[in-house]
PDB file of N, CA and C in Angstrom:
ATOM      1  N   MET A   1       0.335  -3.938  -3.548  1.00  0.00           N
ATOM      2  CA  MET A   1       0.284  -2.886  -2.562  1.00  0.00           C
ATOM      3  C   MET A   1       0.072  -1.566  -3.283  1.00  0.00           C
ATOM      4  N   PHE A   2      -0.650  -0.685  -2.637  1.00  0.00           N
ATOM      5  CA  PHE A   2      -1.001   0.585  -3.264  1.00  0.00           C
ATOM      6  C   PHE A   2      -0.636   1.751  -2.356  1.00  0.00           C
ATOM      7  N   VAL A   3      -0.189   2.826  -2.968  1.00  0.00           N
ATOM      8  CA  VAL A   3       0.039   4.082  -2.272  1.00  0.00           C
ATOM      9  C   VAL A   3      -1.010   5.057  -2.799  1.00  0.00           C
ATOM     10  N   LEU A   4      -1.813   5.553  -1.890  1.00  0.00           N
ATOM     11  CA  LEU A   4      -2.860   6.519  -2.232  1.00  0.00           C
ATOM     12  C   LEU A   4      -2.411   7.867  -1.688  1.00  0.00           C
ATOM     13  N   MET A   5      -2.204   8.813  -2.575  1.00  0.00           N
ATOM     14  CA  MET A   5      -1.748  10.136  -2.174  1.00  0.00           C
ATOM     15  C   MET A   5      -2.883  11.126  -2.377  1.00  0.00           C
ATOM     16  N   ALA A   6      -3.284  11.762  -1.286  1.00  0.00           N
ATOM     17  CA  ALA A   6      -4.360  12.744  -1.335  1.00  0.00           C
ATOM     18  C   ALA A   6      -3.762  14.143  -1.290  1.00  0.00           C
ATOM     19  N   ARG A   7      -4.307  15.017  -2.100  1.00  0.00           N
ATOM     20  CA  ARG A   7      -3.951  16.436  -2.063  1.00  0.00           C
ATOM     21  C   ARG A   7      -5.225  17.190  -1.768  1.00  0.00           C
ATOM     22  N   TYR A   8      -5.179  18.017  -0.712  1.00  0.00           N
ATOM     23  CA  TYR A   8      -6.360  18.776  -0.335  1.00  0.00           C
ATOM     24  C   TYR A   8      -6.611  19.891  -1.340  1.00  0.00           C
ATOM     25  N   THR A   9      -7.872  20.113  -1.643  1.00  0.00           N
ATOM     26  CA  THR A   9      -8.273  21.154  -2.594  1.00  0.00           C
ATOM     27  C   THR A   9      -8.878  22.358  -1.881  1.00  0.00           C
ATOM     28  N   VAL A  10      -8.980  22.244  -0.555  1.00  0.00           N
ATOM     29  CA  VAL A  10      -9.505  23.323   0.287  1.00  0.00           C
ATOM     30  C   VAL A  10      -8.568  23.456   1.486  1.00  0.00           C
ATOM     31  N   PRO A  11      -8.657  24.543   2.243  1.00  0.00           N
ATOM     32  CA  PRO A  11      -7.796  24.698   3.421  1.00  0.00           C
ATOM     33  C   PRO A  11      -7.964  23.550   4.421  1.00  0.00           C
ATOM     34  N   ALA A  12      -6.886  23.234   5.121  1.00  0.00           N
ATOM     35  CA  ALA A  12      -6.889  22.128   6.083  1.00  0.00           C
ATOM     36  C   ALA A  12      -7.979  22.283   7.134  1.00  0.00           C
ATOM     37  N   GLU A  13      -8.277  23.505   7.534  1.00  0.00           N
ATOM     38  CA  GLU A  13      -9.331  23.733   8.532  1.00  0.00           C
ATOM     39  C   GLU A  13     -10.681  23.234   8.014  1.00  0.00           C
ATOM     40  N   GLN A  14     -10.919  23.399   6.734  1.00  0.00           N
ATOM     41  CA  GLN A  14     -12.165  22.926   6.137  1.00  0.00           C
ATOM     42  C   GLN A  14     -12.159  21.403   6.044  1.00  0.00           C
ATOM     43  N   VAL A  15     -11.018  20.832   5.663  1.00  0.00           N
ATOM     44  CA  VAL A  15     -10.878  19.372   5.596  1.00  0.00           C
ATOM     45  C   VAL A  15     -11.186  18.769   6.965  1.00  0.00           C
ATOM     46  N   ASP A  16     -10.671  19.387   8.014  1.00  0.00           N
ATOM     47  CA  ASP A  16     -10.844  18.845   9.362  1.00  0.00           C
ATOM     48  C   ASP A  16     -12.300  18.810   9.825  1.00  0.00           C
ATOM     49  N   THR A  17     -13.185  19.538   9.164  1.00  0.00           N
ATOM     50  CA  THR A  17     -14.606  19.456   9.530  1.00  0.00           C
ATOM     51  C   THR A  17     -15.178  18.075   9.224  1.00  0.00           C
ATOM     52  N   LEU A  18     -14.502  17.322   8.356  1.00  0.00           N
ATOM     53  CA  LEU A  18     -14.941  15.960   8.019  1.00  0.00           C
ATOM     54  C   LEU A  18     -13.998  14.898   8.570  1.00  0.00           C
ATOM     55  N   LEU A  19     -13.115  15.285   9.488  1.00  0.00           N
ATOM     56  CA  LEU A  19     -12.096  14.356   9.975  1.00  0.00           C
ATOM     57  C   LEU A  19     -12.698  13.129  10.652  1.00  0.00           C
ATOM     58  N   GLU A  20     -13.723  13.296  11.460  1.00  0.00           N
ATOM     59  CA  GLU A  20     -14.314  12.134  12.143  1.00  0.00           C
ATOM     60  C   GLU A  20     -14.950  11.170  11.146  1.00  0.00           C
ATOM     61  N   GLU A  21     -15.611  11.701  10.118  1.00  0.00           N
ATOM     62  CA  GLU A  21     -16.198  10.857   9.081  1.00  0.00           C
ATOM     63  C   GLU A  21     -15.091  10.135   8.295  1.00  0.00           C
ATOM     64  N   HIS A  22     -13.995  10.837   8.038  1.00  0.00           N
ATOM     65  CA  HIS A  22     -12.854  10.236   7.336  1.00  0.00           C
ATOM     66  C   HIS A  22     -12.255   9.100   8.173  1.00  0.00           C
ATOM     67  N   LYS A  23     -12.115   9.317   9.475  1.00  0.00           N
ATOM     68  CA  LYS A  23     -11.597   8.273  10.365  1.00  0.00           C
ATOM     69  C   LYS A  23     -12.533   7.058  10.374  1.00  0.00           C
ATOM     70  N   ALA A  24     -13.823   7.296  10.334  1.00  0.00           N
ATOM     71  CA  ALA A  24     -14.781   6.179  10.283  1.00  0.00           C
ATOM     72  C   ALA A  24     -14.619   5.401   8.983  1.00  0.00           C
ATOM     73  N   TRP A  25     -14.395   6.113   7.882  1.00  0.00           N
ATOM     74  CA  TRP A  25     -14.149   5.455   6.585  1.00  0.00           C
ATOM     75  C   TRP A  25     -12.885   4.605   6.662  1.00  0.00           C
ATOM     76  N   ILE A  26     -11.828   5.128   7.288  1.00  0.00           N
ATOM     77  CA  ILE A  26     -10.594   4.352   7.465  1.00  0.00           C
ATOM     78  C   ILE A  26     -10.906   3.092   8.265  1.00  0.00           C
ATOM     79  N   GLY A  27     -11.645   3.238   9.360  1.00  0.00           N
ATOM     80  CA  GLY A  27     -12.003   2.082  10.193  1.00  0.00           C
ATOM     81  C   GLY A  27     -12.822   1.053   9.436  1.00  0.00           C
ATOM     82  N   ALA A  28     -13.709   1.516   8.577  1.00  0.00           N
ATOM     83  CA  ALA A  28     -14.534   0.599   7.791  1.00  0.00           C
ATOM     84  C   ALA A  28     -13.709  -0.166   6.767  1.00  0.00           C
ATOM     85  N   ASN A  29     -12.514   0.334   6.457  1.00  0.00           N
ATOM     86  CA  ASN A  29     -11.632  -0.303   5.473  1.00  0.00           C
ATOM     87  C   ASN A  29     -10.354  -0.823   6.113  1.00  0.00           C
ATOM     88  N   LYS A  30     -10.411  -1.131   7.408  1.00  0.00           N
ATOM     89  CA  LYS A  30      -9.208  -1.548   8.132  1.00  0.00           C
ATOM     90  C   LYS A  30      -8.598  -2.839   7.601  1.00  0.00           C
ATOM     91  N   ASP A  31      -9.365  -3.628   6.872  1.00  0.00           N
ATOM     92  CA  ASP A  31      -8.812  -4.845   6.275  1.00  0.00           C
ATOM     93  C   ASP A  31      -7.917  -4.530   5.078  1.00  0.00           C
ATOM     94  N   ARG A  32      -8.048  -3.329   4.519  1.00  0.00           N
ATOM     95  CA  ARG A  32      -7.251  -2.930   3.353  1.00  0.00           C
ATOM     96  C   ARG A  32      -6.250  -1.830   3.658  1.00  0.00           C
ATOM     97  N   ILE A  33      -6.597  -0.939   4.589  1.00  0.00           N
ATOM     98  CA  ILE A  33      -5.721   0.195   4.887  1.00  0.00           C
ATOM     99  C   ILE A  33      -4.703  -0.211   5.949  1.00  0.00           C
ATOM    100  N   LEU A  34      -3.423  -0.145   5.580  1.00  0.00           N
ATOM    101  CA  LEU A  34      -2.341  -0.572   6.458  1.00  0.00           C
ATOM    102  C   LEU A  34      -1.746   0.577   7.255  1.00  0.00           C
ATOM    103  N   LEU A  35      -1.742   1.780   6.690  1.00  0.00           N
ATOM    104  CA  LEU A  35      -1.105   2.925   7.325  1.00  0.00           C
ATOM    105  C   LEU A  35      -1.713   4.196   6.763  1.00  0.00           C
ATOM    106  N   THR A  36      -1.875   5.186   7.627  1.00  0.00           N
ATOM    107  CA  THR A  36      -2.302   6.510   7.163  1.00  0.00           C
ATOM    108  C   THR A  36      -1.330   7.532   7.725  1.00  0.00           C
ATOM    109  N   ALA A  37      -1.149   8.632   6.995  1.00  0.00           N
ATOM    110  CA  ALA A  37      -0.257   9.690   7.455  1.00  0.00           C
ATOM    111  C   ALA A  37      -0.735  11.028   6.909  1.00  0.00           C
ATOM    112  N   ARG A  38      -0.603  12.052   7.742  1.00  0.00           N
ATOM    113  CA  ARG A  38      -0.915  13.417   7.307  1.00  0.00           C
ATOM    114  C   ARG A  38       0.381  14.057   6.840  1.00  0.00           C
ATOM    115  N   GLU A  39       0.307  14.752   5.745  1.00  0.00           N
ATOM    116  CA  GLU A  39       1.485  15.397   5.176  1.00  0.00           C
ATOM    117  C   GLU A  39       1.854  16.641   5.979  1.00  0.00           C
ATOM    118  N   GLU A  40       3.148  16.929   6.048  1.00  0.00           N
ATOM    119  CA  GLU A  40       3.654  18.146   6.690  1.00  0.00           C
ATOM    120  C   GLU A  40       4.352  18.998   5.644  1.00  0.00           C
ATOM    121  N   PRO A  41       3.936  20.228   5.441  1.00  0.00           N
ATOM    122  CA  PRO A  41       2.786  20.882   6.057  1.00  0.00           C
ATOM    123  C   PRO A  41       1.497  20.200   5.601  1.00  0.00           C
ATOM    124  N   LEU A  42       0.406  20.486   6.279  1.00  0.00           N
ATOM    125  CA  LEU A  42      -0.856  19.778   6.075  1.00  0.00           C
ATOM    126  C   LEU A  42      -1.555  20.241   4.790  1.00  0.00           C
ATOM    127  N   ILE A  43      -1.102  19.614   3.693  1.00  0.00           N
ATOM    128  CA  ILE A  43      -1.693  19.896   2.375  1.00  0.00           C
ATOM    129  C   ILE A  43      -2.244  18.629   1.738  1.00  0.00           C
ATOM    130  N   GLY A  44      -2.183  17.521   2.489  1.00  0.00           N
ATOM    131  CA  GLY A  44      -2.666  16.261   1.961  1.00  0.00           C
ATOM    132  C   GLY A  44      -2.349  15.129   2.912  1.00  0.00           C
ATOM    133  N   GLY A  45      -2.433  13.918   2.380  1.00  0.00           N
ATOM    134  CA  GLY A  45      -2.159  12.754   3.192  1.00  0.00           C
ATOM    135  C   GLY A  45      -1.764  11.565   2.340  1.00  0.00           C
ATOM    136  N   LEU A  46      -1.405  10.495   3.018  1.00  0.00           N
ATOM    137  CA  LEU A  46      -0.943   9.284   2.352  1.00  0.00           C
ATOM    138  C   LEU A  46      -1.600   8.078   3.007  1.00  0.00           C
ATOM    139  N   ILE A  47      -1.967   7.117   2.187  1.00  0.00           N
ATOM    140  CA  ILE A  47      -2.519   5.849   2.674  1.00  0.00           C
ATOM    141  C   ILE A  47      -1.746   4.723   2.003  1.00  0.00           C
ATOM    142  N   LEU A  48      -1.287   3.781   2.802  1.00  0.00           N
ATOM    143  CA  LEU A  48      -0.689   2.552   2.294  1.00  0.00           C
ATOM    144  C   LEU A  48      -1.767   1.486   2.421  1.00  0.00           C
ATOM    145  N   ALA A  49      -2.101   0.845   1.304  1.00  0.00           N
ATOM    146  CA  ALA A  49      -3.224  -0.102   1.314  1.00  0.00           C
ATOM    147  C   ALA A  49      -2.897  -1.349   0.510  1.00  0.00           C
ATOM    148  N   ARG A  50      -3.653  -2.384   0.784  1.00  0.00           N
ATOM    149  CA  ARG A  50      -3.557  -3.601  -0.026  1.00  0.00           C
ATOM    150  C   ARG A  50      -4.928  -3.869  -0.616  1.00  0.00           C
ATOM    151  N   GLY A  51      -4.915  -4.468  -1.784  1.00  0.00           N
ATOM    152  CA  GLY A  51      -6.171  -4.768  -2.443  1.00  0.00           C
ATOM    153  C   GLY A  51      -5.934  -5.561  -3.692  1.00  0.00           C
ATOM    154  N   GLU A  52      -7.013  -5.976  -4.285  1.00  0.00           N
ATOM    155  CA  GLU A  52      -6.919  -6.861  -5.443  1.00  0.00           C
ATOM    156  C   GLU A  52      -6.630  -6.133  -6.746  1.00  0.00           C
ATOM    157  N   SER A  53      -6.978  -4.851  -6.830  1.00  0.00           N
ATOM    158  CA  SER A  53      -6.745  -4.127  -8.085  1.00  0.00           C
ATOM    159  C   SER A  53      -6.804  -2.622  -7.857  1.00  0.00           C
ATOM    160  N   ILE A  54      -6.274  -1.891  -8.812  1.00  0.00           N
ATOM    161  CA  ILE A  54      -6.345  -0.434  -8.733  1.00  0.00           C
ATOM    162  C   ILE A  54      -7.802   0.031  -8.826  1.00  0.00           C
ATOM    163  N   ASP A  55      -8.611  -0.707  -9.585  1.00  0.00           N
ATOM    164  CA  ASP A  55     -10.042  -0.372  -9.666  1.00  0.00           C
ATOM    165  C   ASP A  55     -10.708  -0.496  -8.292  1.00  0.00           C
ATOM    166  N   ALA A  56     -10.326  -1.519  -7.536  1.00  0.00           N
ATOM    167  CA  ALA A  56     -10.873  -1.692  -6.187  1.00  0.00           C
ATOM    168  C   ALA A  56     -10.441  -0.544  -5.282  1.00  0.00           C
ATOM    169  N   MET A  57      -9.213  -0.060  -5.467  1.00  0.00           N
ATOM    170  CA  MET A  57      -8.740   1.081  -4.675  1.00  0.00           C
ATOM    171  C   MET A  57      -9.539   2.338  -5.013  1.00  0.00           C
ATOM    172  N   TRP A  58      -9.796   2.557  -6.303  1.00  0.00           N
ATOM    173  CA  TRP A  58     -10.594   3.726  -6.701  1.00  0.00           C
ATOM    174  C   TRP A  58     -12.012   3.624  -6.155  1.00  0.00           C
ATOM    175  N   GLU A  59     -12.559   2.415  -6.143  1.00  0.00           N
ATOM    176  CA  GLU A  59     -13.901   2.214  -5.585  1.00  0.00           C
ATOM    177  C   GLU A  59     -13.915   2.594  -4.108  1.00  0.00           C
ATOM    178  N   MET A  60     -12.865   2.208  -3.372  1.00  0.00           N
ATOM    179  CA  MET A  60     -12.762   2.544  -1.955  1.00  0.00           C
ATOM    180  C   MET A  60     -12.621   4.061  -1.776  1.00  0.00           C
ATOM    181  N   VAL A  61     -11.763   4.687  -2.565  1.00  0.00           N
ATOM    182  CA  VAL A  61     -11.522   6.133  -2.461  1.00  0.00           C
ATOM    183  C   VAL A  61     -12.792   6.926  -2.734  1.00  0.00           C
ATOM    184  N   ARG A  62     -13.593   6.471  -3.654  1.00  0.00           N
ATOM    185  CA  ARG A  62     -14.824   7.194  -3.985  1.00  0.00           C
ATOM    186  C   ARG A  62     -15.796   7.265  -2.809  1.00  0.00           C
ATOM    187  N   GLN A  63     -15.543   6.482  -1.766  1.00  0.00           N
ATOM    188  CA  GLN A  63     -16.373   6.497  -0.558  1.00  0.00           C
ATOM    189  C   GLN A  63     -15.802   7.416   0.537  1.00  0.00           C
ATOM    190  N   ASP A  64     -14.554   7.883   0.368  1.00  0.00           N
ATOM    191  CA  ASP A  64     -13.909   8.726   1.378  1.00  0.00           C
ATOM    192  C   ASP A  64     -14.652  10.061   1.486  1.00  0.00           C
ATOM    193  N   PRO A  65     -15.107  10.427   2.672  1.00  0.00           N
ATOM    194  CA  PRO A  65     -15.826  11.695   2.816  1.00  0.00           C
ATOM    195  C   PRO A  65     -15.046  12.905   2.300  1.00  0.00           C
ATOM    196  N   PHE A  66     -13.731  12.916   2.447  1.00  0.00           N
ATOM    197  CA  PHE A  66     -12.929  14.020   1.904  1.00  0.00           C
ATOM    198  C   PHE A  66     -13.102  14.101   0.388  1.00  0.00           C
ATOM    199  N   HIS A  67     -13.067  12.958  -0.255  1.00  0.00           N
ATOM    200  CA  HIS A  67     -13.193  12.904  -1.714  1.00  0.00           C
ATOM    201  C   HIS A  67     -14.628  13.216  -2.150  1.00  0.00           C
ATOM    202  N   VAL A  68     -15.592  12.649  -1.453  1.00  0.00           N
ATOM    203  CA  VAL A  68     -17.007  12.868  -1.779  1.00  0.00           C
ATOM    204  C   VAL A  68     -17.339  14.361  -1.730  1.00  0.00           C
ATOM    205  N   ALA A  69     -16.808  15.058  -0.727  1.00  0.00           N
ATOM    206  CA  ALA A  69     -17.082  16.486  -0.561  1.00  0.00           C
ATOM    207  C   ALA A  69     -16.273  17.356  -1.517  1.00  0.00           C
ATOM    208  N   GLY A  70     -15.339  16.742  -2.243  1.00  0.00           N
ATOM    209  CA  GLY A  70     -14.486  17.516  -3.139  1.00  0.00           C
ATOM    210  C   GLY A  70     -13.343  18.205  -2.414  1.00  0.00           C
ATOM    211  N   TYR A  71     -13.042  17.750  -1.206  1.00  0.00           N
ATOM    212  CA  TYR A  71     -11.973  18.349  -0.413  1.00  0.00           C
ATOM    213  C   TYR A  71     -10.604  17.773  -0.727  1.00  0.00           C
ATOM    214  N   SER A  72     -10.559  16.665  -1.462  1.00  0.00           N
ATOM    215  CA  SER A  72      -9.270  16.062  -1.808  1.00  0.00           C
ATOM    216  C   SER A  72      -9.331  15.413  -3.182  1.00  0.00           C
ATOM    217  N   GLU A  73      -8.171  15.371  -3.795  1.00  0.00           N
ATOM    218  CA  GLU A  73      -7.971  14.632  -5.043  1.00  0.00           C
ATOM    219  C   GLU A  73      -6.967  13.537  -4.736  1.00  0.00           C
ATOM    220  N   TYR A  74      -7.148  12.381  -5.342  1.00  0.00           N
ATOM    221  CA  TYR A  74      -6.254  11.254  -5.082  1.00  0.00           C
ATOM    222  C   TYR A  74      -5.449  10.883  -6.324  1.00  0.00           C
ATOM    223  N   GLU A  75      -4.261  10.400  -6.050  1.00  0.00           N
ATOM    224  CA  GLU A  75      -3.440   9.705  -7.041  1.00  0.00           C
ATOM    225  C   GLU A  75      -3.165   8.337  -6.428  1.00  0.00           C
ATOM    226  N   ILE A  76      -3.311   7.293  -7.217  1.00  0.00           N
ATOM    227  CA  ILE A  76      -3.087   5.941  -6.714  1.00  0.00           C
ATOM    228  C   ILE A  76      -2.002   5.285  -7.553  1.00  0.00           C
ATOM    229  N   ARG A  77      -1.027   4.711  -6.865  1.00  0.00           N
ATOM    230  CA  ARG A  77       0.058   3.991  -7.534  1.00  0.00           C
ATOM    231  C   ARG A  77       0.158   2.586  -6.955  1.00  0.00           C
ATOM    232  N   GLU A  78       0.454   1.639  -7.825  1.00  0.00           N
ATOM    233  CA  GLU A  78       0.589   0.241  -7.406  1.00  0.00           C
ATOM    234  C   GLU A  78       2.064  -0.138  -7.339  1.00  0.00           C
ATOM    235  N   TYR A  79       2.419  -0.892  -6.297  1.00  0.00           N
ATOM    236  CA  TYR A  79       3.801  -1.340  -6.092  1.00  0.00           C
ATOM    237  C   TYR A  79       3.810  -2.825  -5.762  1.00  0.00           C
ATOM    238  N   ASN A  80       4.913  -3.489  -6.098  1.00  0.00           N
ATOM    239  CA  ASN A  80       5.126  -4.886  -5.763  1.00  0.00           C
ATOM    240  C   ASN A  80       6.249  -4.937  -4.732  1.00  0.00           C
ATOM    241  N   PRO A  81       5.938  -5.082  -3.442  1.00  0.00           N
ATOM    242  CA  PRO A  81       6.978  -5.076  -2.413  1.00  0.00           C
ATOM    243  C   PRO A  81       7.975  -6.211  -2.613  1.00  0.00           C
ATOM    244  N   VAL A  82       9.260  -5.898  -2.425  1.00  0.00           N
ATOM    245  CA  VAL A  82      10.308  -6.906  -2.575  1.00  0.00           C
ATOM    246  C   VAL A  82      11.160  -7.061  -1.324  1.00  0.00           C
ATOM    247  N   ARG A  83      11.112  -6.111  -0.419  1.00  0.00           N
ATOM    248  CA  ARG A  83      11.854  -6.194   0.827  1.00  0.00           C
ATOM    249  C   ARG A  83      11.085  -5.425   1.892  1.00  0.00           C
ATOM    250  N   ALA A  84      11.123  -5.940   3.113  1.00  0.00           N
ATOM    251  CA  ALA A  84      10.434  -5.276   4.224  1.00  0.00           C
ATOM    252  C   ALA A  84      11.313  -5.335   5.471  1.00  0.00           C
ATOM    253  N   ALA A  85      11.237  -4.328   6.289  1.00  0.00           N
ATOM    254  CA  ALA A  85      11.965  -4.304   7.560  1.00  0.00           C
ATOM    255  C   ALA A  85      11.413  -5.371   8.486  1.00  0.00           C
ATOM    256  N   GLU A  86      12.247  -5.780   9.439  1.00  0.00           N
ATOM    257  CA  GLU A  86      11.823  -6.767  10.418  1.00  0.00           C
ATOM    258  C   GLU A  86      10.560  -6.287  11.131  1.00  0.00           C
ATOM    259  N   GLY A  87       9.603  -7.171  11.211  1.00  0.00           N
ATOM    260  CA  GLY A  87       8.353  -6.850  11.861  1.00  0.00           C
ATOM    261  C   GLY A  87       7.222  -6.540  10.897  1.00  0.00           C
ATOM    262  N   VAL A  88       7.556  -6.225   9.659  1.00  0.00           N
ATOM    263  CA  VAL A  88       6.506  -5.942   8.659  1.00  0.00           C
ATOM    264  C   VAL A  88       6.655  -6.848   7.428  1.00  0.00           C
ATOM    265  N   GLU A  89       7.290  -7.992   7.618  1.00  0.00           N
ATOM    266  CA  GLU A  89       7.496  -8.915   6.514  1.00  0.00           C
ATOM    267  C   GLU A  89       6.183  -9.380   5.902  1.00  0.00           C
ATOM    268  N   GLY A  90       5.111  -9.366   6.660  1.00  0.00           N
ATOM    269  CA  GLY A  90       3.817  -9.787   6.175  1.00  0.00           C
ATOM    270  C   GLY A  90       3.312  -8.959   5.001  1.00  0.00           C
ATOM    271  N   LEU A  91       3.910  -7.802   4.776  1.00  0.00           N
ATOM    272  CA  LEU A  91       3.516  -6.960   3.650  1.00  0.00           C
ATOM    273  C   LEU A  91       4.007  -7.519   2.326  1.00  0.00           C
ATOM    274  N   LEU A  92       5.019  -8.362   2.365  1.00  0.00           N
ATOM    275  CA  LEU A  92       5.542  -8.946   1.130  1.00  0.00           C
ATOM    276  C   LEU A  92       4.561  -9.937   0.545  1.00  0.00           C
ATOM    277  N   GLY A  93       4.409  -9.886  -0.735  1.00  0.00           N
ATOM    278  CA  GLY A  93       3.553 -10.847  -1.417  1.00  0.00           C
ATOM    279  C   GLY A  93       2.074 -10.613  -1.237  1.00  0.00           C
ATOM    280  N   THR A  94       1.656  -9.426  -0.782  1.00  0.00           N
ATOM    281  CA  THR A  94       0.228  -9.154  -0.619  1.00  0.00           C
ATOM    282  C   THR A  94      -0.309  -8.536  -1.878  1.00  0.00           C
TER     283      THR A  94
END
């Protein structure tokens, strides 16, 4: 499991000009992206994803319109889930 943390490099209003394209990118990766969240205050965002490797995650991120435009920088961390709340047990062992 991977946590992708985006930090915006431009004002949120500028980031939002690509929001629909970013949402389309999320939809195109719905098999890997489990959760998305906007940070409060709006200076970045978070993606919880599954994938085969950190390299595969970077390959996916390089397609994000926010990243392509230089509007965000990403940090990616890999985790091995060991416990999940009821209803999300399927995240274990992915």
